Each structure stands twice: as structure tokens, then as C-alpha cells.
């Protein structure tokens, strides 16, 4: 998958998570980020990978997300791989 396509999926994932108050709180807690540094981290490959990892680790949330953007769940893993190949590999709790 091209990096730009993977980036679009991850940014869509971030917007989706941000729209789910409970999920956003869990995401921030798991990444150790706060609202004050969320914007600066958002452009970093490691952060985009973290967004996708968070979605992949939460199946119910993942299924709602992929339905909303109309892609197969495997596309999230493909996007993660494309971004992690660019040095964005990160593991969140």
C-alpha cells in the first residue's frame, strides 16, 4: 500500500477515535499523550502506527471504523505495515 494511502487511513482513524470520547481517553492514556501534544505528534509515523494499532487491538471499534470508511479490516493492517516500514513501528499497551 502506498504511504499516502496508509496515512489517509490513519488520519481517518484518528478523526474517528477523536469523535468517540471514551475511546479518545483510552487512546491518550495508552500512548501517554495529552491534548496539548496530540497535534504535534499527529504528523509522525510512529503516532499514525499507534492509531492503527489502537484500532486493531479493539475489535468492536475496528469494525465500526472500517464500516464507516468502507474498507476491509485487512486494509488497516496493510496501512500499519506501510507506515511501520517508514520507521513508524511502535507498540502501545
C-alpha atoms as a PDB file:
ATOM      1  CA  UNK A   1       0.000   0.000   0.000  1.00  0.00           C
ATOM      2  CA  UNK A   2       1.376   3.442  -0.838  1.00  0.00           C
ATOM      3  CA  UNK A   3       2.425   5.512   2.173  1.00  0.00           C
ATOM      4  CA  UNK A   4      -0.038   8.283   1.268  1.00  0.00           C
ATOM      5  CA  UNK A   5      -2.973   5.854   1.300  1.00  0.00           C
ATOM      6  CA  UNK A   6      -1.849   4.442   4.627  1.00  0.00           C
ATOM      7  CA  UNK A   7      -1.523   7.947   6.014  1.00  0.00           C
ATOM      8  CA  UNK A   8      -5.075   8.795   4.897  1.00  0.00           C
ATOM      9  CA  UNK A   9      -6.431   5.710   6.649  1.00  0.00           C
ATOM     10  CA  UNK A  10      -4.540   6.537   9.855  1.00  0.00           C
ATOM     11  CA  UNK A  11      -5.685  10.162   9.837  1.00  0.00           C
ATOM     12  CA  UNK A  12      -9.257   8.954   9.302  1.00  0.00           C
ATOM     13  CA  UNK A  13      -8.716   6.612  12.237  1.00  0.00           C
ATOM     14  CA  UNK A  14      -7.569   9.483  14.407  1.00  0.00           C
ATOM     15  CA  UNK A  15     -10.627  11.534  13.468  1.00  0.00           C
ATOM     16  CA  UNK A  16     -12.811   8.533  14.253  1.00  0.00           C
ATOM     17  CA  UNK A  17     -11.180   7.980  17.652  1.00  0.00           C
ATOM     18  CA  UNK A  18     -11.416  11.696  18.446  1.00  0.00           C
ATOM     19  CA  UNK A  19     -15.157  11.514  17.832  1.00  0.00           C
ATOM     20  CA  UNK A  20     -15.543   8.751  20.401  1.00  0.00           C
ATOM     21  CA  UNK A  21     -14.941  10.398  23.783  1.00  0.00           C
ATOM     22  CA  UNK A  22     -14.322   7.177  25.708  1.00  0.00           C
ATOM     23  CA  UNK A  23     -12.028   5.806  23.000  1.00  0.00           C
ATOM     24  CA  UNK A  24     -10.067   9.038  22.824  1.00  0.00           C
ATOM     25  CA  UNK A  25      -9.441   8.922  26.571  1.00  0.00           C
ATOM     26  CA  UNK A  26      -8.216   5.321  26.340  1.00  0.00           C
ATOM     27  CA  UNK A  27      -6.044   6.142  23.332  1.00  0.00           C
ATOM     28  CA  UNK A  28      -4.409   9.091  25.079  1.00  0.00           C
ATOM     29  CA  UNK A  29      -3.836   7.018  28.216  1.00  0.00           C
ATOM     30  CA  UNK A  30      -2.262   4.168  26.232  1.00  0.00           C
ATOM     31  CA  UNK A  31       0.028   6.419  24.213  1.00  0.00           C
ATOM     32  CA  UNK A  32       0.939   8.681  27.127  1.00  0.00           C
ATOM     33  CA  UNK A  33      -0.051  11.738  25.118  1.00  0.00           C
ATOM     34  CA  UNK A  34      -2.183  14.600  26.289  1.00  0.00           C
ATOM     35  CA  UNK A  35      -4.401  17.006  24.385  1.00  0.00           C
ATOM     36  CA  UNK A  36      -1.586  19.569  24.460  1.00  0.00           C
ATOM     37  CA  UNK A  37       0.831  17.433  22.429  1.00  0.00           C
ATOM     38  CA  UNK A  38      -1.630  15.476  20.304  1.00  0.00           C
ATOM     39  CA  UNK A  39      -1.473  17.898  17.375  1.00  0.00           C
ATOM     40  CA  UNK A  40       2.329  17.912  17.186  1.00  0.00           C
ATOM     41  CA  UNK A  41       2.508  14.107  17.346  1.00  0.00           C
ATOM     42  CA  UNK A  42      -0.199  13.613  14.705  1.00  0.00           C
ATOM     43  CA  UNK A  43       2.193  14.018  11.769  1.00  0.00           C
ATOM     44  CA  UNK A  44       4.727  11.481  12.999  1.00  0.00           C
ATOM     45  CA  UNK A  45       4.813   7.955  11.508  1.00  0.00           C
ATOM     46  CA  UNK A  46       5.045   6.357  14.977  1.00  0.00           C
ATOM     47  CA  UNK A  47       1.862   8.161  16.010  1.00  0.00           C
ATOM     48  CA  UNK A  48      -0.004   7.083  12.883  1.00  0.00           C
ATOM     49  CA  UNK A  49       1.055   3.493  13.619  1.00  0.00           C
ATOM     50  CA  UNK A  50      -0.194   3.885  17.185  1.00  0.00           C
ATOM     51  CA  UNK A  51      -3.600   4.991  15.884  1.00  0.00           C
ATOM     52  CA  UNK A  52      -3.870   1.883  13.726  1.00  0.00           C
ATOM     53  CA  UNK A  53      -2.577  -0.406  16.491  1.00  0.00           C
ATOM     54  CA  UNK A  54      -5.195   1.002  18.851  1.00  0.00           C
ATOM     55  CA  UNK A  55      -7.938   0.248  16.348  1.00  0.00           C
ATOM     56  CA  UNK A  56      -6.620  -3.249  15.625  1.00  0.00           C
ATOM     57  CA  UNK A  57      -6.480  -4.013  19.350  1.00  0.00           C
ATOM     58  CA  UNK A  58     -10.131  -3.035  19.828  1.00  0.00           C
ATOM     59  CA  UNK A  59     -12.152  -5.259  17.503  1.00  0.00           C
ATOM     60  CA  UNK A  60     -15.552  -3.661  18.139  1.00  0.00           C
ATOM     61  CA  UNK A  61     -14.120  -0.209  17.473  1.00  0.00           C
ATOM     62  CA  UNK A  62     -12.229  -1.504  14.421  1.00  0.00           C
ATOM     63  CA  UNK A  63     -15.362  -2.970  12.876  1.00  0.00           C
ATOM     64  CA  UNK A  64     -17.309   0.258  13.291  1.00  0.00           C
ATOM     65  CA  UNK A  65     -14.400   2.229  11.820  1.00  0.00           C
ATOM     66  CA  UNK A  66     -13.905   0.039   8.740  1.00  0.00           C
ATOM     67  CA  UNK A  67     -17.623   0.061   8.067  1.00  0.00           C
ATOM     68  CA  UNK A  68     -17.651   3.851   8.276  1.00  0.00           C
ATOM     69  CA  UNK A  69     -14.767   4.308   5.818  1.00  0.00           C
ATOM     70  CA  UNK A  70     -15.822   1.292   3.742  1.00  0.00           C
ATOM     71  CA  UNK A  71     -12.637  -0.737   3.702  1.00  0.00           C
ATOM     72  CA  UNK A  72     -11.865  -4.321   4.687  1.00  0.00           C
ATOM     73  CA  UNK A  73     -10.331  -4.797   8.147  1.00  0.00           C
ATOM     74  CA  UNK A  74      -7.200  -6.206   6.496  1.00  0.00           C
ATOM     75  CA  UNK A  75      -6.591  -2.770   4.975  1.00  0.00           C
ATOM     76  CA  UNK A  76      -5.891  -1.422   8.467  1.00  0.00           C
ATOM     77  CA  UNK A  77      -3.118  -3.990   8.907  1.00  0.00           C
ATOM     78  CA  UNK A  78      -1.780  -3.169   5.431  1.00  0.00           C
ATOM     79  CA  UNK A  79      -1.756   0.541   6.275  1.00  0.00           C
ATOM     80  CA  UNK A  80       0.071  -0.203   9.529  1.00  0.00           C
ATOM     81  CA  UNK A  81       2.692  -2.209   7.662  1.00  0.00           C
ATOM     82  CA  UNK A  82       3.222   0.578   5.125  1.00  0.00           C
ATOM     83  CA  UNK A  83       3.676   3.167   7.870  1.00  0.00           C
ATOM     84  CA  UNK A  84       5.891   0.965  10.043  1.00  0.00           C
ATOM     85  CA  UNK A  85       8.215   0.331   7.102  1.00  0.00           C
ATOM     86  CA  UNK A  86       8.836   4.070   7.187  1.00  0.00           C
ATOM     87  CA  UNK A  87      10.169   3.874  10.731  1.00  0.00           C
ATOM     88  CA  UNK A  88       6.870   4.257  12.499  1.00  0.00           C
ATOM     89  CA  UNK A  89       6.799   0.946  14.321  1.00  0.00           C
ATOM     90  CA  UNK A  90       5.559   1.361  17.867  1.00  0.00           C
ATOM     91  CA  UNK A  91       3.759  -0.825  20.339  1.00  0.00           C
ATOM     92  CA  UNK A  92       1.192   0.589  22.711  1.00  0.00           C
ATOM     93  CA  UNK A  93      -0.188  -1.184  25.748  1.00  0.00           C
END
